[in-house]
Amino acid sequence: MKSLSLVAVLFIIAGCATNQSPVNEVDIAAAETVEFMRPYELSRNDVSFVSLGRVQGESCQANVFSNKPTQQEALLRMKVAAAELGANRLILRRCQQDQTDECRARWICTGDAHQSQPLH
């Protein structure tokens, strides 16, 4: 009986674990420094844009006990990734739902991070 209880507790603990760390206040503050823009804005004459590369954000439901994934969380995580590169602008390329071996359900969003600076 004791081993059955131990197995049940381990199952519950494993069920609560996810492969993502929670988004904290520091991440949210960093994400707020990044603004979405449209691709055609790259042709503006009053601002220079430096491409910092492709970024992505993911919201994953690892198991039935995890929260359902949301597009909003994936977008937030993508903005955090862009902020970590020093970006202040982000072009959203796509968001989609799928599943992987690690995520029974997930949202994944990809975009291009840019640093914009006014021309002098």
PDB file of N, CA and C in Angstrom:
ATOM      1  N   MET A   1       0.817  -1.191   0.000  1.00  0.00           N
ATOM      2  CA  MET A   1       0.000   0.000   0.000  1.00  0.00           C
ATOM      3  C   MET A   1       0.862   1.257   0.000  1.00  0.00           C
ATOM      4  N   LYS A   2       1.984   1.211   0.766  1.00  0.00           N
ATOM      5  CA  LYS A   2       2.872   2.367   0.807  1.00  0.00           C
ATOM      6  C   LYS A   2       3.468   2.647  -0.566  1.00  0.00           C
ATOM      7  N   SER A   3       3.865   1.607  -1.270  1.00  0.00           N
ATOM      8  CA  SER A   3       4.478   1.819  -2.586  1.00  0.00           C
ATOM      9  C   SER A   3       3.464   2.377  -3.577  1.00  0.00           C
ATOM     10  N   LEU A   4       2.207   1.974  -3.440  1.00  0.00           N
ATOM     11  CA  LEU A   4       1.165   2.514  -4.310  1.00  0.00           C
ATOM     12  C   LEU A   4       0.968   4.011  -4.038  1.00  0.00           C
ATOM     13  N   SER A   5       0.991   4.409  -2.775  1.00  0.00           N
ATOM     14  CA  SER A   5       0.868   5.818  -2.418  1.00  0.00           C
ATOM     15  C   SER A   5       2.053   6.617  -2.949  1.00  0.00           C
ATOM     16  N   LEU A   6       3.239   6.050  -2.834  1.00  0.00           N
ATOM     17  CA  LEU A   6       4.436   6.720  -3.333  1.00  0.00           C
ATOM     18  C   LEU A   6       4.360   6.906  -4.843  1.00  0.00           C
ATOM     19  N   VAL A   7       3.900   5.896  -5.546  1.00  0.00           N
ATOM     20  CA  VAL A   7       3.744   5.984  -7.003  1.00  0.00           C
ATOM     21  C   VAL A   7       2.724   7.066  -7.346  1.00  0.00           C
ATOM     22  N   ALA A   8       1.639   7.130  -6.601  1.00  0.00           N
ATOM     23  CA  ALA A   8       0.611   8.145  -6.865  1.00  0.00           C
ATOM     24  C   ALA A   8       1.168   9.547  -6.648  1.00  0.00           C
ATOM     25  N   VAL A   9       1.924   9.746  -5.580  1.00  0.00           N
ATOM     26  CA  VAL A   9       2.529  11.059  -5.307  1.00  0.00           C
ATOM     27  C   VAL A   9       3.523  11.422  -6.402  1.00  0.00           C
ATOM     28  N   LEU A  10       4.351  10.493  -6.815  1.00  0.00           N
ATOM     29  CA  LEU A  10       5.318  10.763  -7.881  1.00  0.00           C
ATOM     30  C   LEU A  10       4.614  11.104  -9.192  1.00  0.00           C
ATOM     31  N   PHE A  11       3.513  10.428  -9.474  1.00  0.00           N
ATOM     32  CA  PHE A  11       2.752  10.707 -10.685  1.00  0.00           C
ATOM     33  C   PHE A  11       2.187  12.124 -10.647  1.00  0.00           C
ATOM     34  N   ILE A  12       1.669  12.527  -9.504  1.00  0.00           N
ATOM     35  CA  ILE A  12       1.108  13.873  -9.357  1.00  0.00           C
ATOM     36  C   ILE A  12       2.207  14.926  -9.515  1.00  0.00           C
ATOM     37  N   ILE A  13       3.353  14.688  -8.886  1.00  0.00           N
ATOM     38  CA  ILE A  13       4.474  15.635  -9.011  1.00  0.00           C
ATOM     39  C   ILE A  13       4.941  15.717 -10.453  1.00  0.00           C
ATOM     40  N   ALA A  14       5.084  14.596 -11.103  1.00  0.00           N
ATOM     41  CA  ALA A  14       5.516  14.586 -12.503  1.00  0.00           C
ATOM     42  C   ALA A  14       4.482  15.274 -13.385  1.00  0.00           C
ATOM     43  N   GLY A  15       3.219  15.096 -13.052  1.00  0.00           N
ATOM     44  CA  GLY A  15       2.157  15.723 -13.830  1.00  0.00           C
ATOM     45  C   GLY A  15       2.164  17.233 -13.720  1.00  0.00           C
ATOM     46  N   CYS A  16       2.632  17.753 -12.605  1.00  0.00           N
ATOM     47  CA  CYS A  16       2.666  19.202 -12.411  1.00  0.00           C
ATOM     48  C   CYS A  16       3.884  19.833 -13.060  1.00  0.00           C
ATOM     49  N   ALA A  17       4.886  19.049 -13.338  1.00  0.00           N
ATOM     50  CA  ALA A  17       6.112  19.600 -13.927  1.00  0.00           C
ATOM     51  C   ALA A  17       5.900  19.894 -15.401  1.00  0.00           C
ATOM     52  N   THR A  18       6.485  20.986 -15.853  1.00  0.00           N
ATOM     53  CA  THR A  18       6.469  21.311 -17.274  1.00  0.00           C
ATOM     54  C   THR A  18       7.887  21.602 -17.704  1.00  0.00           C
ATOM     55  N   ASN A  19       8.100  21.652 -19.012  1.00  0.00           N
ATOM     56  CA  ASN A  19       9.440  21.913 -19.500  1.00  0.00           C
ATOM     57  C   ASN A  19       9.675  23.409 -19.693  1.00  0.00           C
ATOM     58  N   GLN A  20       8.734  24.262 -19.273  1.00  0.00           N
ATOM     59  CA  GLN A  20       8.875  25.699 -19.409  1.00  0.00           C
ATOM     60  C   GLN A  20       8.892  26.345 -18.042  1.00  0.00           C
ATOM     61  N   SER A  21       9.757  27.329 -17.899  1.00  0.00           N
ATOM     62  CA  SER A  21       9.722  28.099 -16.671  1.00  0.00           C
ATOM     63  C   SER A  21       8.639  29.156 -16.814  1.00  0.00           C
ATOM     64  N   PRO A  22       8.028  29.557 -15.711  1.00  0.00           N
ATOM     65  CA  PRO A  22       6.974  30.565 -15.809  1.00  0.00           C
ATOM     66  C   PRO A  22       7.543  31.909 -16.254  1.00  0.00           C
ATOM     67  N   VAL A  23       6.703  32.693 -16.904  1.00  0.00           N
ATOM     68  CA  VAL A  23       7.103  34.033 -17.307  1.00  0.00           C
ATOM     69  C   VAL A  23       7.036  34.901 -16.061  1.00  0.00           C
ATOM     70  N   ASN A  24       8.159  35.533 -15.697  1.00  0.00           N
ATOM     71  CA  ASN A  24       8.173  36.341 -14.480  1.00  0.00           C
ATOM     72  C   ASN A  24       8.041  37.830 -14.808  1.00  0.00           C
ATOM     73  N   GLU A  25       7.997  38.655 -13.777  1.00  0.00           N
ATOM     74  CA  GLU A  25       7.795  40.095 -13.958  1.00  0.00           C
ATOM     75  C   GLU A  25       8.918  40.742 -14.750  1.00  0.00           C
ATOM     76  N   VAL A  26      10.150  40.270 -14.571  1.00  0.00           N
ATOM     77  CA  VAL A  26      11.283  40.815 -15.320  1.00  0.00           C
ATOM     78  C   VAL A  26      11.101  40.535 -16.805  1.00  0.00           C
ATOM     79  N   ASP A  27      10.669  39.315 -17.135  1.00  0.00           N
ATOM     80  CA  ASP A  27      10.417  38.966 -18.536  1.00  0.00           C
ATOM     81  C   ASP A  27       9.304  39.826 -19.124  1.00  0.00           C
ATOM     82  N   ILE A  28       8.262  40.036 -18.354  1.00  0.00           N
ATOM     83  CA  ILE A  28       7.147  40.846 -18.837  1.00  0.00           C
ATOM     84  C   ILE A  28       7.599  42.279 -19.080  1.00  0.00           C
ATOM     85  N   ALA A  29       8.403  42.831 -18.172  1.00  0.00           N
ATOM     86  CA  ALA A  29       8.919  44.195 -18.349  1.00  0.00           C
ATOM     87  C   ALA A  29       9.787  44.278 -19.597  1.00  0.00           C
ATOM     88  N   ALA A  30      10.620  43.265 -19.831  1.00  0.00           N
ATOM     89  CA  ALA A  30      11.467  43.246 -21.037  1.00  0.00           C
ATOM     90  C   ALA A  30      10.601  43.152 -22.288  1.00  0.00           C
ATOM     91  N   ALA A  31       9.568  42.323 -22.246  1.00  0.00           N
ATOM     92  CA  ALA A  31       8.686  42.154 -23.403  1.00  0.00           C
ATOM     93  C   ALA A  31       7.969  43.455 -23.744  1.00  0.00           C
ATOM     94  N   GLU A  32       7.678  44.263 -22.741  1.00  0.00           N
ATOM     95  CA  GLU A  32       6.982  45.530 -22.979  1.00  0.00           C
ATOM     96  C   GLU A  32       7.849  46.552 -23.719  1.00  0.00           C
ATOM     97  N   THR A  33       9.158  46.321 -23.788  1.00  0.00           N
ATOM     98  CA  THR A  33      10.042  47.231 -24.528  1.00  0.00           C
ATOM     99  C   THR A  33      10.075  46.910 -26.018  1.00  0.00           C
ATOM    100  N   VAL A  34       9.446  45.810 -26.397  1.00  0.00           N
ATOM    101  CA  VAL A  34       9.438  45.369 -27.800  1.00  0.00           C
ATOM    102  C   VAL A  34       8.052  45.607 -28.383  1.00  0.00           C
ATOM    103  N   GLU A  35       8.014  46.288 -29.531  1.00  0.00           N
ATOM    104  CA  GLU A  35       6.746  46.573 -30.203  1.00  0.00           C
ATOM    105  C   GLU A  35       6.669  45.811 -31.513  1.00  0.00           C
ATOM    106  N   PHE A  36       5.473  45.355 -31.834  1.00  0.00           N
ATOM    107  CA  PHE A  36       5.254  44.718 -33.129  1.00  0.00           C
ATOM    108  C   PHE A  36       5.210  45.786 -34.214  1.00  0.00           C
ATOM    109  N   MET A  37       5.671  45.434 -35.396  1.00  0.00           N
ATOM    110  CA  MET A  37       5.584  46.325 -36.548  1.00  0.00           C
ATOM    111  C   MET A  37       5.272  45.501 -37.783  1.00  0.00           C
ATOM    112  N   ARG A  38       4.871  46.163 -38.829  1.00  0.00           N
ATOM    113  CA  ARG A  38       4.556  45.501 -40.103  1.00  0.00           C
ATOM    114  C   ARG A  38       5.816  45.445 -40.962  1.00  0.00           C
ATOM    115  N   PRO A  39       5.949  44.418 -41.800  1.00  0.00           N
ATOM    116  CA  PRO A  39       7.156  44.280 -42.636  1.00  0.00           C
ATOM    117  C   PRO A  39       7.437  45.501 -43.516  1.00  0.00           C
ATOM    118  N   TYR A  40       6.400  46.155 -44.025  1.00  0.00           N
ATOM    119  CA  TYR A  40       6.625  47.308 -44.904  1.00  0.00           C
ATOM    120  C   TYR A  40       7.273  48.483 -44.177  1.00  0.00           C
ATOM    121  N   GLU A  41       7.219  48.507 -42.846  1.00  0.00           N
ATOM    122  CA  GLU A  41       7.834  49.596 -42.082  1.00  0.00           C
ATOM    123  C   GLU A  41       9.362  49.572 -42.167  1.00  0.00           C
ATOM    124  N   LEU A  42       9.933  48.454 -42.589  1.00  0.00           N
ATOM    125  CA  LEU A  42      11.388  48.382 -42.748  1.00  0.00           C
ATOM    126  C   LEU A  42      11.888  49.359 -43.818  1.00  0.00           C
ATOM    127  N   SER A  43      11.003  49.820 -44.690  1.00  0.00           N
ATOM    128  CA  SER A  43      11.410  50.732 -45.763  1.00  0.00           C
ATOM    129  C   SER A  43      11.312  52.208 -45.356  1.00  0.00           C
ATOM    130  N   ARG A  44      11.025  52.477 -44.097  1.00  0.00           N
ATOM    131  CA  ARG A  44      10.946  53.871 -43.634  1.00  0.00           C
ATOM    132  C   ARG A  44      12.281  54.576 -43.836  1.00  0.00           C
ATOM    133  N   ASN A  45      12.239  55.879 -44.115  1.00  0.00           N
ATOM    134  CA  ASN A  45      13.451  56.671 -44.352  1.00  0.00           C
ATOM    135  C   ASN A  45      13.946  57.405 -43.111  1.00  0.00           C
ATOM    136  N   ASP A  46      13.137  57.498 -42.088  1.00  0.00           N
ATOM    137  CA  ASP A  46      13.513  58.251 -40.893  1.00  0.00           C
ATOM    138  C   ASP A  46      14.115  57.388 -39.784  1.00  0.00           C
ATOM    139  N   VAL A  47      14.200  56.086 -40.015  1.00  0.00           N
ATOM    140  CA  VAL A  47      14.675  55.143 -39.005  1.00  0.00           C
ATOM    141  C   VAL A  47      15.578  54.114 -39.679  1.00  0.00           C
ATOM    142  N   SER A  48      16.626  53.699 -38.960  1.00  0.00           N
ATOM    143  CA  SER A  48      17.423  52.582 -39.478  1.00  0.00           C
ATOM    144  C   SER A  48      17.071  51.331 -38.664  1.00  0.00           C
ATOM    145  N   PHE A  49      17.012  50.214 -39.349  1.00  0.00           N
ATOM    146  CA  PHE A  49      16.685  48.943 -38.704  1.00  0.00           C
ATOM    147  C   PHE A  49      17.860  47.985 -38.862  1.00  0.00           C
ATOM    148  N   VAL A  50      18.240  47.361 -37.767  1.00  0.00           N
ATOM    149  CA  VAL A  50      19.268  46.333 -37.787  1.00  0.00           C
ATOM    150  C   VAL A  50      18.593  45.013 -37.448  1.00  0.00           C
ATOM    151  N   SER A  51      18.715  44.047 -38.333  1.00  0.00           N
ATOM    152  CA  SER A  51      18.123  42.736 -38.093  1.00  0.00           C
ATOM    153  C   SER A  51      18.949  41.976 -37.070  1.00  0.00           C
ATOM    154  N   LEU A  52      18.288  41.444 -36.058  1.00  0.00           N
ATOM    155  CA  LEU A  52      18.969  40.678 -35.012  1.00  0.00           C
ATOM    156  C   LEU A  52      18.682  39.185 -35.101  1.00  0.00           C
ATOM    157  N   GLY A  53      17.877  38.807 -36.089  1.00  0.00           N
ATOM    158  CA  GLY A  53      17.642  37.386 -36.311  1.00  0.00           C
ATOM    159  C   GLY A  53      16.234  36.936 -35.996  1.00  0.00           C
ATOM    160  N   ARG A  54      16.012  35.671 -36.228  1.00  0.00           N
ATOM    161  CA  ARG A  54      14.710  35.037 -36.032  1.00  0.00           C
ATOM    162  C   ARG A  54      14.564  34.650 -34.564  1.00  0.00           C
ATOM    163  N   VAL A  55      13.371  34.865 -34.028  1.00  0.00           N
ATOM    164  CA  VAL A  55      13.068  34.463 -32.648  1.00  0.00           C
ATOM    165  C   VAL A  55      11.772  33.664 -32.646  1.00  0.00           C
ATOM    166  N   GLN A  56      11.582  32.902 -31.592  1.00  0.00           N
ATOM    167  CA  GLN A  56      10.335  32.170 -31.460  1.00  0.00           C
ATOM    168  C   GLN A  56       9.915  32.103 -30.009  1.00  0.00           C
ATOM    169  N   GLY A  57       8.640  31.893 -29.822  1.00  0.00           N
ATOM    170  CA  GLY A  57       8.073  31.715 -28.495  1.00  0.00           C
ATOM    171  C   GLY A  57       7.132  30.535 -28.527  1.00  0.00           C
ATOM    172  N   GLU A  58       7.070  29.826 -27.419  1.00  0.00           N
ATOM    173  CA  GLU A  58       6.278  28.607 -27.359  1.00  0.00           C
ATOM    174  C   GLU A  58       5.449  28.565 -26.090  1.00  0.00           C
ATOM    175  N   SER A  59       4.252  28.069 -26.218  1.00  0.00           N
ATOM    176  CA  SER A  59       3.403  27.761 -25.077  1.00  0.00           C
ATOM    177  C   SER A  59       3.065  26.279 -25.194  1.00  0.00           C
ATOM    178  N   CYS A  60       3.457  25.516 -24.190  1.00  0.00           N
ATOM    179  CA  CYS A  60       3.400  24.060 -24.282  1.00  0.00           C
ATOM    180  C   CYS A  60       2.558  23.450 -23.169  1.00  0.00           C
ATOM    181  N   GLN A  61       1.708  22.519 -23.536  1.00  0.00           N
ATOM    182  CA  GLN A  61       1.008  21.687 -22.560  1.00  0.00           C
ATOM    183  C   GLN A  61       1.721  20.344 -22.566  1.00  0.00           C
ATOM    184  N   ALA A  62       2.550  20.114 -21.551  1.00  0.00           N
ATOM    185  CA  ALA A  62       3.379  18.911 -21.511  1.00  0.00           C
ATOM    186  C   ALA A  62       2.552  17.648 -21.255  1.00  0.00           C
ATOM    187  N   ASN A  63       1.506  17.764 -20.448  1.00  0.00           N
ATOM    188  CA  ASN A  63       0.685  16.602 -20.138  1.00  0.00           C
ATOM    189  C   ASN A  63      -0.721  17.069 -19.772  1.00  0.00           C
ATOM    190  N   VAL A  64      -1.605  16.139 -19.482  1.00  0.00           N
ATOM    191  CA  VAL A  64      -3.005  16.481 -19.217  1.00  0.00           C
ATOM    192  C   VAL A  64      -3.170  17.342 -17.977  1.00  0.00           C
ATOM    193  N   PHE A  65      -2.188  17.359 -17.082  1.00  0.00           N
ATOM    194  CA  PHE A  65      -2.274  18.131 -15.853  1.00  0.00           C
ATOM    195  C   PHE A  65      -1.759  19.560 -16.029  1.00  0.00           C
ATOM    196  N   SER A  66      -1.088  19.842 -17.130  1.00  0.00           N
ATOM    197  CA  SER A  66      -0.546  21.179 -17.392  1.00  0.00           C
ATOM    198  C   SER A  66      -1.631  22.097 -17.940  1.00  0.00           C
ATOM    199  N   ASN A  67      -1.393  23.394 -17.808  1.00  0.00           N
ATOM    200  CA  ASN A  67      -2.326  24.368 -18.398  1.00  0.00           C
ATOM    201  C   ASN A  67      -2.336  24.226 -19.903  1.00  0.00           C
ATOM    202  N   LYS A  68      -3.471  24.544 -20.498  1.00  0.00           N
ATOM    203  CA  LYS A  68      -3.571  24.524 -21.960  1.00  0.00           C
ATOM    204  C   LYS A  68      -2.688  25.628 -22.530  1.00  0.00           C
ATOM    205  N   PRO A  69      -2.060  25.374 -23.675  1.00  0.00           N
ATOM    206  CA  PRO A  69      -1.216  26.401 -24.277  1.00  0.00           C
ATOM    207  C   PRO A  69      -2.067  27.539 -24.852  1.00  0.00           C
ATOM    208  N   THR A  70      -1.495  28.743 -24.857  1.00  0.00           N
ATOM    209  CA  THR A  70      -2.207  29.881 -25.424  1.00  0.00           C
ATOM    210  C   THR A  70      -1.327  30.620 -26.423  1.00  0.00           C
ATOM    211  N   GLN A  71      -1.961  31.215 -27.393  1.00  0.00           N
ATOM    212  CA  GLN A  71      -1.240  32.022 -28.366  1.00  0.00           C
ATOM    213  C   GLN A  71      -0.641  33.252 -27.673  1.00  0.00           C
ATOM    214  N   GLN A  72      -1.343  33.818 -26.704  1.00  0.00           N
ATOM    215  CA  GLN A  72      -0.851  34.998 -25.996  1.00  0.00           C
ATOM    216  C   GLN A  72       0.459  34.702 -25.277  1.00  0.00           C
ATOM    217  N   GLU A  73       0.569  33.529 -24.654  1.00  0.00           N
ATOM    218  CA  GLU A  73       1.810  33.171 -23.971  1.00  0.00           C
ATOM    219  C   GLU A  73       2.941  32.975 -24.976  1.00  0.00           C
ATOM    220  N   ALA A  74       2.659  32.355 -26.107  1.00  0.00           N
ATOM    221  CA  ALA A  74       3.685  32.165 -27.143  1.00  0.00           C
ATOM    222  C   ALA A  74       4.172  33.509 -27.671  1.00  0.00           C
ATOM    223  N   LEU A  75       3.251  34.449 -27.884  1.00  0.00           N
ATOM    224  CA  LEU A  75       3.640  35.787 -28.338  1.00  0.00           C
ATOM    225  C   LEU A  75       4.482  36.505 -27.286  1.00  0.00           C
ATOM    226  N   LEU A  76       4.101  36.384 -26.029  1.00  0.00           N
ATOM    227  CA  LEU A  76       4.862  37.003 -24.950  1.00  0.00           C
ATOM    228  C   LEU A  76       6.266  36.428 -24.877  1.00  0.00           C
ATOM    229  N   ARG A  77       6.380  35.113 -24.967  1.00  0.00           N
ATOM    230  CA  ARG A  77       7.701  34.476 -24.914  1.00  0.00           C
ATOM    231  C   ARG A  77       8.562  34.879 -26.127  1.00  0.00           C
ATOM    232  N   MET A  78       7.921  35.095 -27.273  1.00  0.00           N
ATOM    233  CA  MET A  78       8.656  35.548 -28.447  1.00  0.00           C
ATOM    234  C   MET A  78       9.180  36.970 -28.220  1.00  0.00           C
ATOM    235  N   LYS A  79       8.370  37.829 -27.624  1.00  0.00           N
ATOM    236  CA  LYS A  79       8.814  39.188 -27.318  1.00  0.00           C
ATOM    237  C   LYS A  79       9.959  39.181 -26.303  1.00  0.00           C
ATOM    238  N   VAL A  80       9.899  38.281 -25.326  1.00  0.00           N
ATOM    239  CA  VAL A  80      10.989  38.150 -24.348  1.00  0.00           C
ATOM    240  C   VAL A  80      12.280  37.731 -25.057  1.00  0.00           C
ATOM    241  N   ALA A  81      12.179  36.775 -25.978  1.00  0.00           N
ATOM    242  CA  ALA A  81      13.355  36.325 -26.733  1.00  0.00           C
ATOM    243  C   ALA A  81      13.944  37.472 -27.552  1.00  0.00           C
ATOM    244  N   ALA A  82      13.078  38.295 -28.152  1.00  0.00           N
ATOM    245  CA  ALA A  82      13.545  39.442 -28.927  1.00  0.00           C
ATOM    246  C   ALA A  82      14.232  40.457 -28.018  1.00  0.00           C
ATOM    247  N   ALA A  83      13.664  40.712 -26.852  1.00  0.00           N
ATOM    248  CA  ALA A  83      14.263  41.648 -25.899  1.00  0.00           C
ATOM    249  C   ALA A  83      15.630  41.170 -25.440  1.00  0.00           C
ATOM    250  N   GLU A  84      15.786  39.863 -25.264  1.00  0.00           N
ATOM    251  CA  GLU A  84      17.082  39.309 -24.853  1.00  0.00           C
ATOM    252  C   GLU A  84      18.169  39.548 -25.899  1.00  0.00           C
ATOM    253  N   LEU A  85      17.761  39.697 -27.164  1.00  0.00           N
ATOM    254  CA  LEU A  85      18.719  40.009 -28.238  1.00  0.00           C
ATOM    255  C   LEU A  85      18.993  41.510 -28.346  1.00  0.00           C
ATOM    256  N   GLY A  86      18.232  42.313 -27.600  1.00  0.00           N
ATOM    257  CA  GLY A  86      18.383  43.760 -27.671  1.00  0.00           C
ATOM    258  C   GLY A  86      17.447  44.414 -28.667  1.00  0.00           C
ATOM    259  N   ALA A  87      16.446  43.706 -29.102  1.00  0.00           N
ATOM    260  CA  ALA A  87      15.500  44.236 -30.084  1.00  0.00           C
ATOM    261  C   ALA A  87      14.489  45.161 -29.414  1.00  0.00           C
ATOM    262  N   ASN A  88      13.987  46.103 -30.205  1.00  0.00           N
ATOM    263  CA  ASN A  88      12.874  46.922 -29.739  1.00  0.00           C
ATOM    264  C   ASN A  88      11.705  46.874 -30.725  1.00  0.00           C
ATOM    265  N   ARG A  89      11.882  46.154 -31.819  1.00  0.00           N
ATOM    266  CA  ARG A  89      10.821  45.959 -32.813  1.00  0.00           C
ATOM    267  C   ARG A  89      10.787  44.486 -33.209  1.00  0.00           C
ATOM    268  N   LEU A  90       9.588  44.026 -33.587  1.00  0.00           N
ATOM    269  CA  LEU A  90       9.417  42.617 -33.905  1.00  0.00           C
ATOM    270  C   LEU A  90       8.394  42.488 -35.023  1.00  0.00           C
ATOM    271  N   ILE A  91       8.744  41.730 -36.034  1.00  0.00           N
ATOM    272  CA  ILE A  91       7.809  41.423 -37.119  1.00  0.00           C
ATOM    273  C   ILE A  91       7.325  39.992 -36.902  1.00  0.00           C
ATOM    274  N   LEU A  92       6.019  39.845 -36.700  1.00  0.00           N
ATOM    275  CA  LEU A  92       5.424  38.525 -36.522  1.00  0.00           C
ATOM    276  C   LEU A  92       5.361  37.833 -37.877  1.00  0.00           C
ATOM    277  N   ARG A  93       5.934  36.663 -37.972  1.00  0.00           N
ATOM    278  CA  ARG A  93       5.875  35.889 -39.219  1.00  0.00           C
ATOM    279  C   ARG A  93       4.743  34.877 -39.204  1.00  0.00           C
ATOM    280  N   ARG A  94       4.587  34.172 -38.075  1.00  0.00           N
ATOM    281  CA  ARG A  94       3.478  33.220 -38.020  1.00  0.00           C
ATOM    282  C   ARG A  94       3.321  32.638 -36.628  1.00  0.00           C
ATOM    283  N   CYS A  95       2.094  32.246 -36.335  1.00  0.00           N
ATOM    284  CA  CYS A  95       1.762  31.490 -35.127  1.00  0.00           C
ATOM    285  C   CYS A  95       0.960  30.276 -35.575  1.00  0.00           C
ATOM    286  N   GLN A  96       1.247  29.155 -34.976  1.00  0.00           N
ATOM    287  CA  GLN A  96       0.511  27.949 -35.334  1.00  0.00           C
ATOM    288  C   GLN A  96       0.386  27.026 -34.137  1.00  0.00           C
ATOM    289  N   GLN A  97      -0.623  26.173 -34.199  1.00  0.00           N
ATOM    290  CA  GLN A  97      -0.820  25.150 -33.186  1.00  0.00           C
ATOM    291  C   GLN A  97      -0.337  23.823 -33.739  1.00  0.00           C
ATOM    292  N   ASP A  98       0.324  23.042 -32.878  1.00  0.00           N
ATOM    293  CA  ASP A  98       0.728  21.698 -33.260  1.00  0.00           C
ATOM    294  C   ASP A  98       0.998  20.903 -31.998  1.00  0.00           C
ATOM    295  N   GLN A  99       1.662  19.785 -32.160  1.00  0.00           N
ATOM    296  CA  GLN A  99       2.068  18.972 -31.014  1.00  0.00           C
ATOM    297  C   GLN A  99       3.397  18.308 -31.321  1.00  0.00           C
ATOM    298  N   THR A 100       4.124  17.987 -30.272  1.00  0.00           N
ATOM    299  CA  THR A 100       5.415  17.320 -30.415  1.00  0.00           C
ATOM    300  C   THR A 100       5.470  16.195 -29.388  1.00  0.00           C
ATOM    301  N   ASP A 101       6.596  15.493 -29.352  1.00  0.00           N
ATOM    302  CA  ASP A 101       6.759  14.449 -28.341  1.00  0.00           C
ATOM    303  C   ASP A 101       6.755  15.048 -26.934  1.00  0.00           C
ATOM    304  N   GLU A 102       7.294  16.273 -26.793  1.00  0.00           N
ATOM    305  CA  GLU A 102       7.370  16.928 -25.489  1.00  0.00           C
ATOM    306  C   GLU A 102       6.094  17.678 -25.124  1.00  0.00           C
ATOM    307  N   CYS A 103       5.322  18.075 -26.124  1.00  0.00           N
ATOM    308  CA  CYS A 103       4.108  18.877 -25.892  1.00  0.00           C
ATOM    309  C   CYS A 103       2.906  18.190 -26.515  1.00  0.00           C
ATOM    310  N   ARG A 104       1.968  17.832 -25.686  1.00  0.00           N
ATOM    311  CA  ARG A 104       0.778  17.194 -26.243  1.00  0.00           C
ATOM    312  C   ARG A 104      -0.054  18.192 -27.024  1.00  0.00           C
ATOM    313  N   ALA A 105       0.127  19.488 -26.718  1.00  0.00           N
ATOM    314  CA  ALA A 105      -0.480  20.578 -27.486  1.00  0.00           C
ATOM    315  C   ALA A 105       0.412  21.796 -27.287  1.00  0.00           C
ATOM    316  N   ARG A 106       0.550  22.615 -28.330  1.00  0.00           N
ATOM    317  CA  ARG A 106       1.361  23.817 -28.168  1.00  0.00           C
ATOM    318  C   ARG A 106       0.997  24.865 -29.201  1.00  0.00           C
ATOM    319  N   TRP A 107       1.326  26.094 -28.843  1.00  0.00           N
ATOM    320  CA  TRP A 107       1.321  27.227 -29.765  1.00  0.00           C
ATOM    321  C   TRP A 107       2.775  27.604 -29.953  1.00  0.00           C
ATOM    322  N   ILE A 108       3.181  27.848 -31.182  1.00  0.00           N
ATOM    323  CA  ILE A 108       4.534  28.327 -31.455  1.00  0.00           C
ATOM    324  C   ILE A 108       4.441  29.508 -32.418  1.00  0.00           C
ATOM    325  N   CYS A 109       5.103  30.594 -32.055  1.00  0.00           N
ATOM    326  CA  CYS A 109       5.101  31.807 -32.872  1.00  0.00           C
ATOM    327  C   CYS A 109       6.534  32.143 -33.250  1.00  0.00           C
ATOM    328  N   THR A 110       6.751  32.565 -34.491  1.00  0.00           N
ATOM    329  CA  THR A 110       8.074  32.966 -34.955  1.00  0.00           C
ATOM    330  C   THR A 110       7.994  34.379 -35.523  1.00  0.00           C
ATOM    331  N   GLY A 111       9.122  35.063 -35.423  1.00  0.00           N
ATOM    332  CA  GLY A 111       9.192  36.423 -35.928  1.00  0.00           C
ATOM    333  C   GLY A 111      10.628  36.852 -36.134  1.00  0.00           C
ATOM    334  N   ASP A 112      10.793  38.062 -36.659  1.00  0.00           N
ATOM    335  CA  ASP A 112      12.111  38.641 -36.908  1.00  0.00           C
ATOM    336  C   ASP A 112      12.325  39.806 -35.959  1.00  0.00           C
ATOM    337  N   ALA A 113      13.416  39.739 -35.187  1.00  0.00           N
ATOM    338  CA  ALA A 113      13.744  40.785 -34.220  1.00  0.00           C
ATOM    339  C   ALA A 113      14.593  41.860 -34.893  1.00  0.00           C
ATOM    340  N   HIS A 114      14.273  43.115 -34.580  1.00  0.00           N
ATOM    341  CA  HIS A 114      15.008  44.253 -35.144  1.00  0.00           C
ATOM    342  C   HIS A 114      15.288  45.284 -34.064  1.00  0.00           C
ATOM    343  N   GLN A 115      16.392  45.988 -34.246  1.00  0.00           N
ATOM    344  CA  GLN A 115      16.699  47.138 -33.416  1.00  0.00           C
ATOM    345  C   GLN A 115      16.503  48.353 -34.297  1.00  0.00           C
ATOM    346  N   SER A 116      15.608  49.247 -33.897  1.00  0.00           N
ATOM    347  CA  SER A 116      15.396  50.466 -34.686  1.00  0.00           C
ATOM    348  C   SER A 116      16.048  51.644 -33.977  1.00  0.00           C
ATOM    349  N   GLN A 117      16.625  52.528 -34.796  1.00  0.00           N
ATOM    350  CA  GLN A 117      17.274  53.722 -34.267  1.00  0.00           C
ATOM    351  C   GLN A 117      16.956  54.883 -35.191  1.00  0.00           C
ATOM    352  N   PRO A 118      16.598  56.040 -34.618  1.00  0.00           N
ATOM    353  CA  PRO A 118      16.308  57.189 -35.488  1.00  0.00           C
ATOM    354  C   PRO A 118      17.573  57.635 -36.216  1.00  0.00           C
ATOM    355  N   LEU A 119      17.374  58.103 -37.435  1.00  0.00           N
ATOM    356  CA  LEU A 119      18.496  58.647 -38.213  1.00  0.00           C
ATOM    357  C   LEU A 119      18.788  60.064 -37.729  1.00  0.00           C
ATOM    358  N   HIS A 120      20.050  60.428 -37.719  1.00  0.00           N
ATOM    359  CA  HIS A 120      20.439  61.777 -37.275  1.00  0.00           C
ATOM    360  C   HIS A 120      20.646  62.690 -38.453  1.00  0.00           C
TER     361      HIS A 120
END
